[in-house]
């Protein structure tokens, strides 16, 4: 009887995969913020970035206000700018399969955890706005990382002077798992010409960066972007890490320098298009895609009601709406996009 059940289960899963469906991922299929807790030494995590050491730890979590449960994990500091300039380092989380089995983390071997840069007032709001950028891109492209907000209870271990912080965070799906969802291959170390990127998705990527006013990315070096290949000739870029964008407008945000040359804008709230040129037909097609999604994109800040102030939600909506003024007016679209796009070398 058990063998029959096992065979039926395997058949069911194989049919889901064949039809393009994936088994349920309870971690990311829910958009309710997950309550988690960790006890960490900030200094140890900052030092871990400089070697390959993962530090054993316990991750506490609870579902629907139940009692906390726990799972063994390994943690590692990650990132560059935030690790060197922020109080809280972004974290990599590694979970053994046997530990994750039967928990909300099942099916996730690795995760990224984005934390606020600092613990000053308003820092949690910046995390909420960064999460909003991920949700915006979910409406723009079919190829995205899955994310989930967390309410994070952090105990910083400092000898006899432990500190406690209540933070917002973002759990981000690992690249390998993302690629598997799309029956693709991850290309984390690949360096490809922008010319080989799938054309419509590349334009969605570029216009999204203009929407949130982000210049802190590079396709060539995969800086704040990751590459997957659906076939040897079909490469897809997926963005992440938006704290330098105008939508988030972090106090430490700065305009990127490209090849050591500063871009001609004074602050991150000023939009500047860094995308490569595509044919007029494809450019107009994607432009119309964005305009058709205007109402949906402008409604997404409402996801933050009850977490972000009404004033904050109103301000981000107004900022997003100013992007659509560029798209909807031919003269502005020509000036901000067509005249700024970079030619392939």
Protein backbone atom coordinates (compact mmCIF):
# COMPACT_ATOMS: atom_id res chain seq x y z
CA UNK A 1 0.00 0.00 0.00
CA UNK A 2 2.82 2.41 0.90
CA UNK A 3 4.52 1.58 -2.41
CA UNK A 4 1.33 2.40 -4.33
CA UNK A 5 1.03 5.73 -2.51
CA UNK A 6 4.68 6.57 -3.23
CA UNK A 7 4.26 5.72 -6.94
CA UNK A 8 1.11 7.85 -7.16
CA UNK A 9 2.83 10.77 -5.45
CA UNK A 10 5.78 10.57 -7.85
CA UNK A 11 3.38 10.43 -10.80
CA UNK A 12 1.51 13.50 -9.52
CA UNK A 13 4.72 15.49 -9.11
CA UNK A 14 5.99 14.45 -12.54
CA UNK A 15 2.70 15.56 -14.11
CA UNK A 16 3.01 18.95 -12.39
CA UNK A 17 6.52 19.41 -13.75
CA UNK A 18 5.48 18.29 -17.23
CA UNK A 19 2.61 20.80 -17.23
CA UNK A 20 4.89 23.63 -16.11
CA UNK A 21 3.69 23.57 -12.51
CA UNK A 22 5.95 23.18 -9.49
CA UNK A 23 5.29 21.54 -6.13
CA UNK A 24 4.05 23.96 -3.52
CA UNK A 25 6.72 26.14 -1.91
CA UNK A 26 5.15 27.17 1.39
CA UNK A 27 7.93 29.64 2.17
CA UNK A 28 7.36 31.88 -0.82
CA UNK A 29 3.77 31.11 -1.79
CA UNK A 30 2.56 33.06 1.24
CA UNK A 31 2.97 36.83 1.31
CA UNK A 32 2.22 37.14 5.03
CA UNK A 33 5.42 38.38 6.72
CA UNK A 34 7.15 35.47 8.43
CA UNK A 35 8.24 35.89 12.07
CA UNK A 36 11.84 34.75 12.53
CA UNK A 37 14.58 35.27 15.09
CA UNK A 38 18.36 34.86 15.23
CA UNK A 39 21.15 35.40 17.73
CA UNK A 40 24.29 36.65 16.02
CA UNK A 41 27.66 38.27 16.53
CA UNK A 42 27.87 41.14 14.05
CA UNK A 43 31.66 41.09 14.17
CA UNK A 44 31.89 37.38 13.36
CA UNK A 45 29.52 37.77 10.41
CA UNK A 46 31.46 40.71 9.04
CA UNK A 47 34.67 38.72 9.25
CA UNK A 48 33.06 35.67 7.60
CA UNK A 49 32.76 37.55 4.32
CA UNK A 50 36.52 37.51 4.00
CA UNK A 51 36.78 33.71 3.97
CA UNK A 52 34.69 30.68 3.09
CA UNK A 53 33.56 29.91 6.64
CA UNK A 54 29.88 29.38 7.37
CA UNK A 55 28.91 29.76 11.03
CA UNK A 56 26.50 27.30 12.65
CA UNK A 57 23.41 28.92 14.14
CA UNK A 58 19.76 28.43 15.08
CA UNK A 59 16.95 30.11 13.17
CA UNK A 60 13.72 30.54 15.11
CA UNK A 61 10.41 30.89 13.25
CA UNK A 62 6.71 30.77 13.83
CA UNK A 63 3.63 30.51 11.65
CA UNK A 64 0.35 32.32 12.29
CA UNK A 65 1.35 33.53 15.76
CA UNK A 66 1.95 30.00 17.02
CA UNK A 67 4.82 29.12 19.34
CA UNK A 68 8.30 29.49 17.90
CA UNK A 69 9.96 26.45 16.36
CA UNK A 70 13.65 26.25 15.40
CA UNK A 71 15.90 24.89 12.69
CA UNK A 72 19.68 24.47 12.46
CA UNK A 73 21.24 26.70 9.79
CA UNK A 74 24.58 28.11 8.75
CA UNK A 75 25.09 31.84 8.29
CA UNK A 76 27.59 33.92 6.38
CA UNK A 77 28.03 37.63 5.80
CA UNK A 78 27.59 38.64 2.16
CA UNK A 79 27.48 41.68 -0.08
CA UNK A 80 30.06 44.39 -0.60
CA UNK A 81 28.85 47.92 0.10
CA UNK A 82 26.46 47.02 2.92
CA UNK A 83 28.94 44.68 4.57
CA UNK A 84 31.53 47.43 4.77
CA UNK A 85 29.25 50.40 5.40
CA UNK A 86 26.26 49.12 7.37
CA UNK A 87 25.73 48.01 10.97
CA UNK A 88 23.80 44.89 9.92
CA UNK A 89 25.46 42.80 7.19
CA UNK A 90 23.23 41.06 4.66
CA UNK A 91 23.23 37.33 5.32
CA UNK A 92 23.52 34.11 3.40
CA UNK A 93 21.59 31.21 4.94
CA UNK A 94 22.37 27.54 4.24
CA UNK A 95 20.01 24.76 5.34
CA UNK A 96 20.61 21.03 5.16
CA UNK A 97 17.86 19.09 3.42
CA UNK A 98 17.16 16.91 6.47
CA UNK A 99 16.80 20.02 8.65
CA UNK A 100 14.36 21.71 6.24
CA UNK A 101 12.20 18.61 5.73
CA UNK A 102 8.70 19.08 7.08
CA UNK A 103 9.21 22.79 7.79
CA UNK A 104 8.24 25.96 5.96
CA UNK A 105 11.80 26.02 4.57
CA UNK A 106 11.53 22.65 2.81
CA UNK A 107 12.92 22.81 -0.72
CA UNK A 108 15.24 25.72 0.04
CA UNK A 109 18.91 24.85 0.49
CA UNK A 110 20.15 28.42 0.40
CA UNK A 111 18.53 31.80 1.01
CA UNK A 112 19.58 35.42 1.12
CA UNK A 113 18.36 37.64 3.94
CA UNK A 114 18.33 41.40 3.41
CA UNK A 115 18.41 43.49 6.59
CA UNK A 116 18.21 47.23 7.17
CA UNK A 117 21.57 48.95 6.84
CA UNK A 118 21.30 50.49 10.30
CA UNK A 119 18.89 50.62 13.22
CA UNK A 120 17.99 54.30 13.03
CA UNK A 121 14.36 55.38 12.79
CA UNK A 122 13.01 54.77 9.31
CA UNK A 123 15.47 52.00 8.42
CA UNK A 124 12.72 49.37 8.36
CA UNK A 125 10.74 51.52 5.90
CA UNK A 126 13.64 51.31 3.46
CA UNK A 127 13.45 47.50 3.54
CA UNK A 128 9.72 47.66 2.82
CA UNK A 129 10.36 49.89 -0.19
CA UNK A 130 13.08 47.57 -1.46
CA UNK A 131 10.67 44.63 -1.19
CA UNK A 132 8.16 46.68 -3.19
CA UNK A 133 10.71 46.86 -6.03
CA UNK A 134 10.72 43.07 -6.20
CA UNK A 135 6.93 43.01 -6.37
CA UNK A 136 6.96 45.61 -9.16
CA UNK A 137 9.28 43.45 -11.22
CA UNK A 138 7.04 40.43 -10.73
CA UNK A 139 4.38 42.31 -12.71
CA UNK A 140 6.86 43.36 -15.39
CA UNK A 141 8.73 40.13 -16.20
CA UNK A 142 7.88 36.43 -15.96
CA UNK A 143 11.46 35.79 -14.78
CA UNK A 144 11.99 36.89 -11.19
CA UNK A 145 13.36 35.88 -7.81
CA UNK A 146 10.74 34.91 -5.23
CA UNK A 147 10.80 36.96 -2.04
CA UNK A 148 9.06 37.19 1.31
CA UNK A 149 9.03 39.85 3.98
CA UNK A 150 10.04 38.82 7.50
CA UNK A 151 9.61 40.33 10.94
CA UNK A 152 13.03 39.71 12.39
CA UNK A 153 13.92 39.56 16.07
CA UNK A 154 17.71 39.98 16.25
CA UNK A 155 19.72 39.43 19.41
CA UNK A 156 23.23 40.78 18.93
CA UNK A 157 25.64 38.82 21.08
CA UNK A 158 28.05 41.22 22.80
CA UNK A 159 29.22 39.41 25.91
CA UNK A 160 27.26 40.75 28.89
CA UNK A 161 25.72 43.55 26.83
CA UNK A 162 23.52 41.72 24.34
CA UNK A 163 21.27 44.00 22.30
CA UNK A 164 17.85 43.30 20.81
CA UNK A 165 16.47 44.75 17.56
CA UNK A 166 13.10 44.43 15.86
CA UNK A 167 13.78 44.62 12.14
CA UNK A 168 12.11 44.11 8.79
CA UNK A 169 13.90 41.82 6.36
CA UNK A 170 13.53 40.16 2.97
CA UNK A 171 14.13 36.48 2.28
CA UNK A 172 15.26 35.94 -1.32
CA UNK A 173 15.22 32.68 -3.24
CA UNK A 174 18.58 31.21 -4.27
CA UNK A 175 19.63 31.50 -7.93
CA UNK A 176 19.90 27.73 -8.42
CA UNK A 177 16.34 27.23 -7.21
CA UNK A 178 15.10 30.08 -9.39
CA UNK A 179 16.75 28.58 -12.46
CA UNK A 180 15.22 25.19 -11.70
CA UNK A 181 11.73 26.73 -11.62
CA UNK A 182 12.25 27.92 -15.19
CA UNK A 183 13.92 24.70 -16.39
CA UNK A 184 16.99 26.85 -16.98
CA UNK A 185 20.66 26.85 -16.12
CA UNK A 186 22.15 29.38 -13.72
CA UNK A 187 25.05 31.34 -15.20
CA UNK A 188 26.40 33.07 -12.10
CA UNK A 189 29.97 33.41 -13.38
CA UNK A 190 29.20 33.99 -17.05
CA UNK A 191 30.19 37.22 -18.77
CA UNK A 192 28.00 37.73 -21.82
CA UNK A 193 27.47 40.59 -24.20
CA UNK A 194 24.18 42.48 -23.77
CA UNK A 195 23.57 41.65 -27.42
CA UNK A 196 22.81 37.99 -26.58
CA UNK A 197 20.18 38.78 -23.94
CA UNK A 198 16.61 37.91 -24.85
CA UNK A 199 15.46 41.19 -26.38
CA UNK A 200 12.04 41.84 -24.82
CA UNK A 201 13.16 40.74 -21.37
CA UNK A 202 16.28 42.92 -21.61
CA UNK A 203 14.10 45.95 -22.35
CA UNK A 204 11.81 45.10 -19.45
CA UNK A 205 14.89 44.94 -17.24
CA UNK A 206 16.15 48.35 -18.48
CA UNK A 207 12.80 50.13 -18.20
CA UNK A 208 12.22 48.66 -14.74
CA UNK A 209 15.53 50.16 -13.61
CA UNK A 210 14.34 53.51 -14.99
CA UNK A 211 10.99 53.08 -13.20
CA UNK A 212 12.66 52.72 -9.80
CA UNK A 213 15.53 55.05 -10.79
CA UNK A 214 18.36 52.60 -10.25
CA UNK A 215 21.76 52.85 -11.94
CA UNK A 216 23.57 50.42 -9.62
CA UNK A 217 23.68 47.39 -11.91
CA UNK A 218 25.66 45.79 -14.72
CA UNK A 219 24.79 42.94 -17.09
CA UNK A 220 28.41 42.29 -18.04
CA UNK A 221 29.68 41.74 -14.49
CA UNK A 222 26.30 40.59 -13.10
CA UNK A 223 26.42 43.36 -10.52
CA UNK A 224 23.02 43.35 -8.78
CA UNK A 225 21.70 41.14 -11.56
CA UNK A 226 21.83 37.41 -12.18
CA UNK A 227 21.81 35.46 -15.42
CA UNK A 228 20.00 32.27 -16.39
CA UNK A 229 19.98 30.53 -19.77
CA UNK A 230 16.84 28.96 -21.17
CA UNK A 231 18.92 27.69 -24.10
CA UNK A 232 22.44 28.35 -25.42
CA UNK A 233 21.09 31.33 -27.34
CA UNK A 234 18.52 32.62 -24.84
CA UNK A 235 19.86 34.46 -21.79
CA UNK A 236 17.68 36.19 -19.19
CA UNK A 237 18.80 38.82 -16.66
CA UNK A 238 17.02 39.12 -13.30
CA UNK A 239 17.62 42.14 -11.04
CA UNK A 240 18.03 42.27 -7.27
CA UNK A 241 19.35 44.63 -4.56
CA UNK A 242 17.62 47.99 -4.97
CA UNK A 243 18.74 50.00 -1.97
CA UNK A 244 20.56 52.49 -4.23
CA UNK A 245 17.37 53.24 -6.18
CA UNK A 246 15.33 56.40 -6.09
CA UNK A 247 12.25 54.50 -4.91
CA UNK A 248 14.07 53.41 -1.75
CA UNK A 249 16.09 56.66 -1.50
CA UNK A 250 18.33 55.42 1.32
CA UNK A 251 20.38 58.12 3.12
CA UNK A 252 23.60 56.44 1.96
CA UNK A 253 22.48 55.96 -1.66
CA UNK A 254 24.70 57.41 -4.35
CA UNK A 255 24.70 57.68 -8.13
CA UNK A 256 26.80 54.95 -9.69
CA UNK A 257 30.01 55.58 -11.57
CA UNK A 258 30.38 53.60 -14.79
CA UNK A 259 33.99 52.79 -15.73
CA UNK A 260 35.03 55.34 -13.10
CA UNK A 261 32.98 58.00 -14.86
CA UNK A 262 30.13 59.61 -12.91
CA UNK A 263 26.72 59.62 -14.55
CA UNK A 264 25.26 63.05 -15.42
CA UNK A 265 22.71 63.14 -12.58
CA UNK A 266 23.08 64.66 -9.12
CA UNK A 267 21.12 62.20 -6.96
CA UNK A 268 19.38 58.84 -7.12
CA UNK A 269 15.94 60.41 -7.49
CA UNK A 270 16.89 61.72 -10.93
CA UNK A 271 16.13 59.05 -13.51
CA UNK A 272 18.81 58.09 -16.02
CA UNK A 273 18.43 55.37 -18.66
CA UNK A 274 21.38 52.99 -18.92
CA UNK A 275 19.87 50.37 -21.20
CA UNK A 276 21.17 49.28 -24.57
CA UNK A 277 19.36 50.19 -27.78
CA UNK A 278 17.00 47.71 -29.38
CA UNK A 279 15.00 47.90 -32.60
CA UNK A 280 12.23 50.53 -32.75
CA UNK A 281 9.60 47.78 -33.09
CA UNK A 282 10.70 45.88 -29.98
CA UNK A 283 11.20 49.09 -27.99
CA UNK A 284 7.69 50.29 -28.80
CA UNK A 285 6.24 46.85 -28.00
CA UNK A 286 7.73 46.83 -24.48
CA UNK A 287 6.86 50.49 -23.97
CA UNK A 288 3.20 49.65 -24.62
CA UNK A 289 3.44 46.67 -22.28
CA UNK A 290 4.45 48.99 -19.43
CA UNK A 291 1.72 51.51 -20.20
CA UNK A 292 -0.89 48.72 -20.22
CA UNK A 293 0.28 47.70 -16.73
CA UNK A 294 0.26 51.24 -15.32
CA UNK A 295 -2.79 50.88 -13.07
CA UNK A 296 -1.60 47.55 -11.67
CA UNK A 297 1.92 48.85 -10.96
CA UNK A 298 0.61 52.00 -9.31
CA UNK A 299 -1.61 49.90 -7.03
CA UNK A 300 1.23 47.77 -5.66
CA UNK A 301 2.38 50.25 -2.97
CA UNK A 302 -0.96 49.51 -1.29
CA UNK A 303 0.54 46.12 -0.33
CA UNK A 304 2.41 48.07 2.33
CA UNK A 305 -0.70 49.48 4.03
CA UNK A 306 -0.42 49.00 7.76
CA UNK A 307 3.37 48.77 7.55
CA UNK A 308 4.30 51.99 5.74
CA UNK A 309 2.60 55.31 6.51
CA UNK A 310 -0.17 56.59 4.24
CA UNK A 311 2.09 59.53 3.41
CA UNK A 312 4.92 57.19 2.44
CA UNK A 313 2.61 55.16 0.20
CA UNK A 314 1.29 58.31 -1.46
CA UNK A 315 4.81 59.60 -2.12
CA UNK A 316 6.02 56.38 -3.74
CA UNK A 317 2.92 56.26 -5.94
CA UNK A 318 3.59 59.80 -7.13
CA UNK A 319 7.20 58.93 -7.87
CA UNK A 320 6.21 55.87 -9.89
CA UNK A 321 3.58 57.90 -11.74
CA UNK A 322 6.25 60.36 -12.91
CA UNK A 323 7.88 57.45 -14.78
CA UNK A 324 4.70 56.94 -16.79
CA UNK A 325 4.75 60.58 -17.86
CA UNK A 326 8.02 59.71 -19.61
CA UNK A 327 6.52 56.64 -21.26
CA UNK A 328 3.27 58.24 -22.35
CA UNK A 329 4.69 61.38 -23.97
CA UNK A 330 6.67 60.82 -27.17
CA UNK A 331 8.98 63.79 -26.66
CA UNK A 332 9.87 62.72 -23.12
CA UNK A 333 10.34 59.09 -24.16
CA UNK A 334 12.68 60.15 -26.94
CA UNK A 335 14.69 62.41 -24.61
CA UNK A 336 14.95 60.03 -21.63
CA UNK A 337 15.15 56.66 -23.40
CA UNK A 338 15.77 56.72 -27.16
CA UNK A 339 18.42 59.42 -26.98
CA UNK A 340 20.15 57.86 -23.97
CA UNK A 341 20.27 54.17 -24.93
CA UNK A 342 23.72 52.71 -25.47
CA UNK A 343 24.78 51.15 -28.78
CA UNK A 344 26.24 47.64 -28.81
CA UNK A 345 30.00 47.62 -29.27
